[in-house]
Amino acid sequence: MTSERVNPPGLSPPAGFSHAVVATGSRVVFLAGQTALDADGKVVGQTLPEQFEKALTNLLTALTAAGGTPSDLARVTVYATDVAAYRTHAAELGRLWRKLAG
């Protein structure tokens, strides 16, 4: 099995990782953890929902560039540094997920 690294031009240039890796011989795509970075590598969004939306958009951009769709996702882990804010905004984050990923 070989692998292809996918780094879409619309995402911040990766340093020490790839945005997506496609394993050939079978079709498995591994996505790198995404944050709220714009294409220039700057954090965007002042609130947790704004940053979540950007990070999810980045994840879906890498997935699409690797030939996948949101329905192909097997698992997504979300890390938050402020658990209270995450709980406060959970409903809004769910709406953003449904809007972007279905």
C-alpha atoms as a PDB file:
ATOM      1  CA  MET A   1       0.000   0.000   0.000  1.00  0.00           C
ATOM      2  CA  THR A   2       1.224   3.520  -0.792  1.00  0.00           C
ATOM      3  CA  SER A   3      -0.088   6.877   0.278  1.00  0.00           C
ATOM      4  CA  GLU A   4      -0.734  10.232  -1.342  1.00  0.00           C
ATOM      5  CA  ARG A   5      -0.523  13.439   0.671  1.00  0.00           C
ATOM      6  CA  VAL A   6      -3.190  16.026  -0.176  1.00  0.00           C
ATOM      7  CA  ASN A   7      -2.689  19.682   0.758  1.00  0.00           C
ATOM      8  CA  PRO A   8      -5.324  21.884  -0.921  1.00  0.00           C
ATOM      9  CA  PRO A   9      -4.149  25.374  -1.908  1.00  0.00           C
ATOM     10  CA  GLY A  10      -7.051  27.020  -0.027  1.00  0.00           C
ATOM     11  CA  LEU A  11      -5.731  25.838   3.359  1.00  0.00           C
ATOM     12  CA  SER A  12      -2.782  27.118   5.378  1.00  0.00           C
ATOM     13  CA  PRO A  13       0.470  25.393   4.297  1.00  0.00           C
ATOM     14  CA  PRO A  14       1.052  22.409   6.608  1.00  0.00           C
ATOM     15  CA  ALA A  15       4.179  22.180   8.745  1.00  0.00           C
ATOM     16  CA  GLY A  16       5.003  18.654   9.896  1.00  0.00           C
ATOM     17  CA  PHE A  17       1.711  17.125   8.712  1.00  0.00           C
ATOM     18  CA  SER A  18      -0.553  16.826   5.674  1.00  0.00           C
ATOM     19  CA  HIS A  19      -4.168  18.009   5.582  1.00  0.00           C
ATOM     20  CA  ALA A  20      -5.219  14.631   4.177  1.00  0.00           C
ATOM     21  CA  VAL A  21      -3.546  11.333   3.336  1.00  0.00           C
ATOM     22  CA  VAL A  22      -5.075   8.897   0.855  1.00  0.00           C
ATOM     23  CA  ALA A  23      -4.013   5.264   1.183  1.00  0.00           C
ATOM     24  CA  THR A  24      -3.956   3.530  -2.213  1.00  0.00           C
ATOM     25  CA  GLY A  25      -4.798  -0.104  -2.733  1.00  0.00           C
ATOM     26  CA  SER A  26      -7.852   0.601  -0.637  1.00  0.00           C
ATOM     27  CA  ARG A  27      -9.650   3.872  -0.213  1.00  0.00           C
ATOM     28  CA  VAL A  28      -8.950   5.168   3.269  1.00  0.00           C
ATOM     29  CA  VAL A  29      -8.359   8.862   3.865  1.00  0.00           C
ATOM     30  CA  PHE A  30      -6.753  10.140   7.052  1.00  0.00           C
ATOM     31  CA  LEU A  31      -7.409  13.807   7.774  1.00  0.00           C
ATOM     32  CA  ALA A  32      -5.147  16.005   9.853  1.00  0.00           C
ATOM     33  CA  GLY A  33      -6.559  17.886  12.787  1.00  0.00           C
ATOM     34  CA  GLN A  34      -7.864  21.231  11.619  1.00  0.00           C
ATOM     35  CA  THR A  35      -8.037  24.539  13.414  1.00  0.00           C
ATOM     36  CA  ALA A  36      -9.488  27.941  12.600  1.00  0.00           C
ATOM     37  CA  LEU A  37      -6.612  28.968  10.322  1.00  0.00           C
ATOM     38  CA  ASP A  38      -7.205  30.841   7.095  1.00  0.00           C
ATOM     39  CA  ALA A  39      -5.145  30.233   3.951  1.00  0.00           C
ATOM     40  CA  ASP A  40      -2.454  32.604   5.291  1.00  0.00           C
ATOM     41  CA  GLY A  41      -2.114  30.656   8.542  1.00  0.00           C
ATOM     42  CA  LYS A  42      -3.913  33.226  10.679  1.00  0.00           C
ATOM     43  CA  VAL A  43      -6.536  32.277  13.271  1.00  0.00           C
ATOM     44  CA  VAL A  44      -9.962  33.624  12.332  1.00  0.00           C
ATOM     45  CA  GLY A  45     -13.062  34.017  14.465  1.00  0.00           C
ATOM     46  CA  GLN A  46     -13.404  35.492  17.914  1.00  0.00           C
ATOM     47  CA  THR A  47     -15.963  33.030  19.286  1.00  0.00           C
ATOM     48  CA  LEU A  48     -15.984  29.269  19.660  1.00  0.00           C
ATOM     49  CA  PRO A  49     -18.745  28.844  17.037  1.00  0.00           C
ATOM     50  CA  GLU A  50     -16.850  31.019  14.532  1.00  0.00           C
ATOM     51  CA  GLN A  51     -13.655  29.039  15.064  1.00  0.00           C
ATOM     52  CA  PHE A  52     -15.532  25.722  14.969  1.00  0.00           C
ATOM     53  CA  GLU A  53     -17.119  26.689  11.654  1.00  0.00           C
ATOM     54  CA  LYS A  54     -13.725  27.544  10.148  1.00  0.00           C
ATOM     55  CA  ALA A  55     -12.083  24.371  11.471  1.00  0.00           C
ATOM     56  CA  LEU A  56     -14.935  22.217  10.136  1.00  0.00           C
ATOM     57  CA  THR A  57     -14.818  24.026   6.795  1.00  0.00           C
ATOM     58  CA  ASN A  58     -11.073  23.324   6.630  1.00  0.00           C
ATOM     59  CA  LEU A  59     -11.671  19.652   7.451  1.00  0.00           C
ATOM     60  CA  LEU A  60     -14.303  19.353   4.733  1.00  0.00           C
ATOM     61  CA  THR A  61     -12.047  21.167   2.242  1.00  0.00           C
ATOM     62  CA  ALA A  62      -9.297  18.595   2.837  1.00  0.00           C
ATOM     63  CA  LEU A  63     -11.823  15.741   2.632  1.00  0.00           C
ATOM     64  CA  THR A  64     -13.257  17.024  -0.661  1.00  0.00           C
ATOM     65  CA  ALA A  65      -9.769  17.519  -2.121  1.00  0.00           C
ATOM     66  CA  ALA A  66      -9.028  13.874  -1.259  1.00  0.00           C
ATOM     67  CA  GLY A  67     -12.177  12.741  -3.100  1.00  0.00           C
ATOM     68  CA  GLY A  68     -14.463  12.240  -0.104  1.00  0.00           C
ATOM     69  CA  THR A  69     -17.766  13.643   1.081  1.00  0.00           C
ATOM     70  CA  PRO A  70     -19.078  14.346   4.579  1.00  0.00           C
ATOM     71  CA  SER A  71     -21.069  11.099   4.475  1.00  0.00           C
ATOM     72  CA  ASP A  72     -17.744   9.232   4.191  1.00  0.00           C
ATOM     73  CA  LEU A  73     -16.567  10.444   7.616  1.00  0.00           C
ATOM     74  CA  ALA A  74     -16.230   7.570  10.054  1.00  0.00           C
ATOM     75  CA  ARG A  75     -15.132   9.595  13.064  1.00  0.00           C
ATOM     76  CA  VAL A  76     -14.445  13.203  13.998  1.00  0.00           C
ATOM     77  CA  THR A  77     -12.987  14.223  17.352  1.00  0.00           C
ATOM     78  CA  VAL A  78     -13.434  17.793  18.565  1.00  0.00           C
ATOM     79  CA  TYR A  79     -11.011  19.172  21.141  1.00  0.00           C
ATOM     80  CA  ALA A  80     -11.918  22.293  23.101  1.00  0.00           C
ATOM     81  CA  THR A  81      -9.797  24.188  25.596  1.00  0.00           C
ATOM     82  CA  ASP A  82     -12.850  25.722  27.287  1.00  0.00           C
ATOM     83  CA  VAL A  83     -15.306  22.970  28.181  1.00  0.00           C
ATOM     84  CA  ALA A  84     -17.815  25.424  29.665  1.00  0.00           C
ATOM     85  CA  ALA A  85     -17.903  27.406  26.406  1.00  0.00           C
ATOM     86  CA  TYR A  86     -18.270  24.166  24.457  1.00  0.00           C
ATOM     87  CA  ARG A  87     -21.288  23.177  26.555  1.00  0.00           C
ATOM     88  CA  THR A  88     -22.768  26.668  26.295  1.00  0.00           C
ATOM     89  CA  HIS A  89     -22.499  26.646  22.488  1.00  0.00           C
ATOM     90  CA  ALA A  90     -23.227  22.931  21.900  1.00  0.00           C
ATOM     91  CA  ALA A  91     -26.574  23.547  20.181  1.00  0.00           C
ATOM     92  CA  GLU A  92     -25.054  26.155  17.873  1.00  0.00           C
ATOM     93  CA  LEU A  93     -22.123  23.862  17.064  1.00  0.00           C
ATOM     94  CA  GLY A  94     -24.636  21.139  16.191  1.00  0.00           C
ATOM     95  CA  ARG A  95     -26.455  23.523  13.833  1.00  0.00           C
ATOM     96  CA  LEU A  96     -23.141  24.413  12.174  1.00  0.00           C
ATOM     97  CA  TRP A  97     -22.293  20.715  11.778  1.00  0.00           C
ATOM     98  CA  ARG A  98     -25.663  19.991  10.136  1.00  0.00           C
ATOM     99  CA  LYS A  99     -25.338  23.048   7.876  1.00  0.00           C
ATOM    100  CA  LEU A 100     -21.844  22.129   6.665  1.00  0.00           C
ATOM    101  CA  ALA A 101     -21.643  18.349   6.931  1.00  0.00           C
ATOM    102  CA  GLY A 102     -25.277  17.271   6.760  1.00  0.00           C
END
